C-alpha cells in the first residue's frame, strides 16, 4: 500500500485521535484497533508489515543462511496475529511490536526445527548408503542454534522501528542485504564480503552507498538515522 493510499484509507477514529498532542500515529492506530475499529486494524497491520519483514529477513540470514523464504514466515506471522488479535492485552506500541515479534520468533523456531529434522533425515539417508560424513556435528549445531535468541539488533520498539524497517525495505536487493548483514546482524566486513561473494573493499564500498541511500529514505520518511556502524 502506498503512502497516499494509506492516507486515503485512514480510519476516521485514527484521523481524529492523531490530533491529540503527544500521541504517535502508531499508538493512536493501535488504540482504535483494540477498541474495535476494523479500518484501524487494517491500517495497523499495514504499518507493521515492513517491521515483520525486517525481523523475518534477519532470521533468514542469521539462522538459515538465506536458504529460507522469509516471505512465508511474514505471511504466517501476520495471519496468526490477525487471527489472535483479540488475545492481545497490551496497550502500548512497545507491547504491540513485542507481541508481533514473539509470534514471529515462535514461527521461526518451528521452521528451524523442521529444517533441522529435514537435515537429520538427509543424514539418515546418507548413512544408509554407507557415506561417512561429519553431519552429526552439523546437526547438533543446528539444534543449538534453535535455542539461540532471535537476532536482536532491532532493539527500538516504537514507531522509529517501523520507519527504519520501511526505509530498509525500500533499498534495492544488494543494498538491503549488505545493510542487513552489517547493521542488523552486525557481522564484520570480512564475513559480509564472504557471504556476498565480494572482496572486502567492494563490500565496504557497497555498504557506504547503501547507507547513503538509507539516509535518503529515512529523510523521506521523516525519521532520524538509527545507525551508521563502525568501519572495521
Protein backbone atom coordinates (compact mmCIF):
# COMPACT_ATOMS: atom_id res chain seq x y z
CA UNK A 1 0.00 0.00 0.00
CA UNK A 2 1.42 3.40 -1.00
CA UNK A 3 1.67 6.37 1.36
CA UNK A 4 -1.15 8.17 -0.46
CA UNK A 5 -3.37 5.09 -0.28
CA UNK A 6 -2.65 4.78 3.44
CA UNK A 7 -3.68 8.40 3.99
CA UNK A 8 -6.85 7.97 1.89
CA UNK A 9 -7.87 4.80 3.72
CA UNK A 10 -7.00 6.06 7.19
CA UNK A 11 -9.68 5.28 9.77
CA UNK A 12 -11.72 8.33 10.89
CA UNK A 13 -11.02 7.33 14.51
CA UNK A 14 -7.28 7.39 13.82
CA UNK A 15 -7.50 10.67 11.92
CA UNK A 16 -9.42 12.38 14.74
CA UNK A 17 -7.25 10.95 17.50
CA UNK A 18 -3.99 11.82 15.74
CA UNK A 19 -4.66 15.44 16.56
CA UNK A 20 -4.09 14.65 20.22
CA UNK A 21 -0.80 16.04 21.50
CA UNK A 22 1.93 13.51 22.29
CA UNK A 23 0.29 10.53 20.58
CA UNK A 24 2.20 8.78 17.80
CA UNK A 25 0.14 7.66 14.82
CA UNK A 26 1.01 4.04 15.56
CA UNK A 27 -0.18 4.34 19.16
CA UNK A 28 -3.42 6.05 18.11
CA UNK A 29 -4.00 3.41 15.43
CA UNK A 30 -3.39 0.64 17.96
CA UNK A 31 -5.84 2.09 20.48
CA UNK A 32 -8.54 2.46 17.82
CA UNK A 33 -7.97 -1.11 16.58
CA UNK A 34 -8.17 -2.53 20.10
CA UNK A 35 -11.40 -0.57 20.60
CA UNK A 36 -12.91 -2.44 17.64
CA UNK A 37 -12.28 -0.13 14.67
CA UNK A 38 -11.81 -2.58 11.77
CA UNK A 39 -10.33 0.07 9.46
CA UNK A 40 -7.79 0.96 12.15
CA UNK A 41 -6.88 -2.71 12.48
CA UNK A 42 -6.22 -2.97 8.74
CA UNK A 43 -4.08 0.16 8.89
CA UNK A 44 -2.21 -1.13 11.94
CA UNK A 45 -1.20 -4.33 10.16
CA UNK A 46 -0.24 -2.42 7.01
CA UNK A 47 2.01 -0.13 9.04
CA UNK A 48 3.74 -3.07 10.72
CA UNK A 49 4.31 -5.29 7.70
CA UNK A 50 7.77 -3.87 6.88
CA UNK A 51 8.82 -4.36 10.51
CA UNK A 52 7.79 -8.02 10.44
CA UNK A 53 9.62 -8.41 7.11
CA UNK A 54 12.77 -6.94 8.64
CA UNK A 55 12.77 -9.38 11.56
CA UNK A 56 12.00 -12.30 9.23
CA UNK A 57 14.90 -11.38 6.94
CA UNK A 58 17.19 -11.22 9.96
CA UNK A 59 16.08 -14.71 10.96
CA UNK A 60 16.61 -15.97 7.43
CA UNK A 61 20.14 -14.58 7.16
CA UNK A 62 21.23 -15.47 10.69
CA UNK A 63 19.74 -18.92 11.17
CA UNK A 64 19.03 -20.28 7.70
CA UNK A 65 21.93 -18.64 5.82
CA UNK A 66 19.30 -17.23 3.40
CA UNK A 67 18.16 -20.74 2.34
CA UNK A 68 14.71 -19.96 3.67
CA UNK A 69 11.92 -17.93 2.10
CA UNK A 70 11.25 -15.25 4.71
CA UNK A 71 8.03 -14.22 2.92
CA UNK A 72 6.37 -17.42 4.19
CA UNK A 73 7.37 -16.51 7.73
CA UNK A 74 5.98 -12.99 7.30
CA UNK A 75 2.68 -14.26 5.91
CA UNK A 76 2.22 -16.84 8.67
CA UNK A 77 3.07 -14.34 11.40
CA UNK A 78 0.61 -11.73 10.13
CA UNK A 79 -2.12 -14.34 9.70
CA UNK A 80 -1.57 -15.62 13.24
CA UNK A 81 -1.52 -12.10 14.67
CA UNK A 82 -4.69 -11.11 12.82
CA UNK A 83 -6.47 -14.29 13.92
CA UNK A 84 -5.43 -13.86 17.56
CA UNK A 85 -5.72 -10.07 17.72
CA UNK A 86 -8.40 -10.37 20.39
CA UNK A 87 -5.84 -12.07 22.65
CA UNK A 88 -3.52 -9.05 22.61
CA UNK A 89 -3.80 -7.49 26.06
CA UNK A 90 -1.22 -4.72 25.77
CA UNK A 91 -1.88 -1.01 25.40
CA UNK A 92 1.35 0.49 24.07
CA UNK A 93 3.17 0.32 20.75
CA UNK A 94 6.14 -1.27 22.55
CA UNK A 95 3.91 -4.10 23.78
CA UNK A 96 2.34 -4.44 20.32
CA UNK A 97 5.63 -4.74 18.44
CA UNK A 98 7.00 -7.11 21.09
CA UNK A 99 3.85 -9.26 20.70
CA UNK A 100 4.30 -9.39 16.92
CA UNK A 101 7.93 -10.33 17.36
CA UNK A 102 7.03 -13.07 19.84
CA UNK A 103 4.69 -14.63 17.28
CA UNK A 104 7.35 -14.40 14.58
CA UNK A 105 10.00 -15.90 16.88
CA UNK A 106 7.70 -18.83 17.64
CA UNK A 107 7.04 -19.45 13.94
CA UNK A 108 10.72 -19.11 13.09
CA UNK A 109 11.69 -21.61 15.79
CA UNK A 110 9.13 -24.05 14.37
CA UNK A 111 10.58 -23.56 10.88
CA UNK A 112 14.09 -24.06 12.23
CA UNK A 113 13.08 -27.32 13.90
CA UNK A 114 11.53 -28.54 10.63
CA UNK A 115 14.71 -27.51 8.83
CA UNK A 116 16.83 -29.47 11.36
CA UNK A 117 14.54 -32.50 11.11
CA UNK A 118 14.86 -32.48 7.33
CA UNK A 119 18.64 -32.36 7.74
CA UNK A 120 18.57 -35.36 10.06
CA UNK A 121 16.51 -37.32 7.54
CA UNK A 122 19.10 -36.48 4.89
CA UNK A 123 21.84 -37.67 7.26
CA UNK A 124 19.98 -40.93 7.76
CA UNK A 125 19.74 -41.47 4.01
CA UNK A 126 23.47 -40.83 3.63
CA UNK A 127 24.27 -43.31 6.40
CA UNK A 128 22.06 -45.92 4.76
CA UNK A 129 24.17 -45.52 1.62
CA UNK A 130 27.35 -46.03 3.62
CA UNK A 131 28.68 -42.46 3.35
CA UNK A 132 30.92 -41.20 6.15
CA UNK A 133 30.20 -37.56 6.88
CA UNK A 134 30.57 -35.04 9.67
CA UNK A 135 26.88 -34.14 9.52
CA UNK A 136 26.26 -35.34 13.08
CA UNK A 137 28.20 -32.36 14.31
CA UNK A 138 26.34 -30.08 11.91
CA UNK A 139 23.01 -31.38 13.14
CA UNK A 140 23.97 -30.72 16.75
CA UNK A 141 24.97 -27.18 15.83
CA UNK A 142 21.58 -26.66 14.19
CA UNK A 143 19.81 -27.77 17.36
CA UNK A 144 21.91 -25.41 19.47
CA UNK A 145 21.16 -22.55 17.06
CA UNK A 146 17.46 -23.18 17.54
CA UNK A 147 17.88 -22.28 21.21
CA UNK A 148 19.72 -19.03 20.45
CA UNK A 149 17.85 -15.74 20.75
CA UNK A 150 16.47 -14.07 17.67
CA UNK A 151 18.85 -11.57 16.01
CA UNK A 152 18.49 -8.69 18.43
CA UNK A 153 19.97 -5.63 16.75
CA UNK A 154 16.50 -4.14 16.30
CA UNK A 155 16.03 -3.06 19.89
CA UNK A 156 13.97 0.12 19.49
CA UNK A 157 10.35 -0.97 19.80
CA UNK A 158 8.45 2.11 18.71
CA UNK A 159 7.44 3.96 15.57
CA UNK A 160 11.11 4.61 14.70
CA UNK A 161 11.45 0.83 14.25
CA UNK A 162 8.68 0.89 11.65
CA UNK A 163 10.30 3.77 9.78
CA UNK A 164 13.68 2.03 9.80
CA UNK A 165 12.06 -1.16 8.52
CA UNK A 166 10.25 0.77 5.78
CA UNK A 167 13.48 2.53 4.77
CA UNK A 168 15.37 -0.77 4.55
CA UNK A 169 12.51 -2.32 2.59
CA UNK A 170 12.87 0.47 0.01
CA UNK A 171 16.52 -0.38 -0.66
CA UNK A 172 17.49 -2.38 -3.74
CA UNK A 173 18.45 -6.03 -3.27
CA UNK A 174 22.23 -5.80 -2.71
CA UNK A 175 21.91 -2.60 -0.69
CA UNK A 176 19.29 -4.22 1.54
CA UNK A 177 21.38 -7.35 2.02
CA UNK A 178 24.58 -5.52 2.96
CA UNK A 179 22.70 -3.35 5.49
CA UNK A 180 21.03 -6.43 6.95
CA UNK A 181 24.34 -8.26 7.30
CA UNK A 182 26.39 -5.32 8.51
CA UNK A 183 24.00 -3.24 10.61
CA UNK A 184 21.24 -5.61 11.67
CA UNK A 185 23.27 -8.80 12.19
CA UNK A 186 26.42 -6.79 12.99
CA UNK A 187 28.77 -9.04 11.04
CA UNK A 188 32.38 -7.93 10.44
CA UNK A 189 33.14 -6.80 6.90
CA UNK A 190 35.24 -9.89 6.18
CA UNK A 191 32.20 -12.08 6.79
CA UNK A 192 29.87 -9.72 4.95
CA UNK A 193 32.20 -9.89 1.93
CA UNK A 194 32.33 -13.69 2.11
CA UNK A 195 28.56 -14.04 2.40
CA UNK A 196 28.01 -11.73 -0.58
CA UNK A 197 30.78 -13.20 -2.75
CA UNK A 198 32.71 -9.92 -2.92
CA UNK A 199 36.10 -8.62 -1.85
CA UNK A 200 36.22 -6.71 1.43
CA UNK A 201 36.84 -3.33 -0.30
CA UNK A 202 33.93 -3.99 -2.67
CA UNK A 203 31.65 -4.90 0.24
CA UNK A 204 32.67 -1.76 2.12
CA UNK A 205 32.02 0.42 -0.91
CA UNK A 206 28.63 -1.21 -1.42
CA UNK A 207 27.79 -0.63 2.24
CA UNK A 208 28.74 3.05 2.05
CA UNK A 209 26.43 3.52 -0.94
CA UNK A 210 23.67 1.58 0.81
CA UNK A 211 23.94 3.71 3.95
CA UNK A 212 23.69 6.86 1.86
CA UNK A 213 20.52 5.56 0.20
CA UNK A 214 19.18 4.51 3.60
CA UNK A 215 19.75 8.04 4.94
CA UNK A 216 17.82 9.42 1.98
CA UNK A 217 14.91 7.08 2.56
CA UNK A 218 14.91 7.85 6.29
CA UNK A 219 14.78 11.56 5.49
CA UNK A 220 11.89 10.97 3.09
CA UNK A 221 10.03 9.20 5.89
CA UNK A 222 10.85 11.94 8.40
CA UNK A 223 12.84 9.55 10.59
CA UNK A 224 16.13 10.08 12.35
CA UNK A 225 19.14 7.92 11.50
CA UNK A 226 19.30 4.98 13.87
CA UNK A 227 22.71 3.65 12.99
CA UNK A 228 25.82 4.23 10.98
CA UNK A 229 28.07 1.39 12.11
CA UNK A 230 31.84 1.31 12.58
CA UNK A 231 34.06 0.65 9.58
CA UNK A 232 36.08 -2.24 10.96
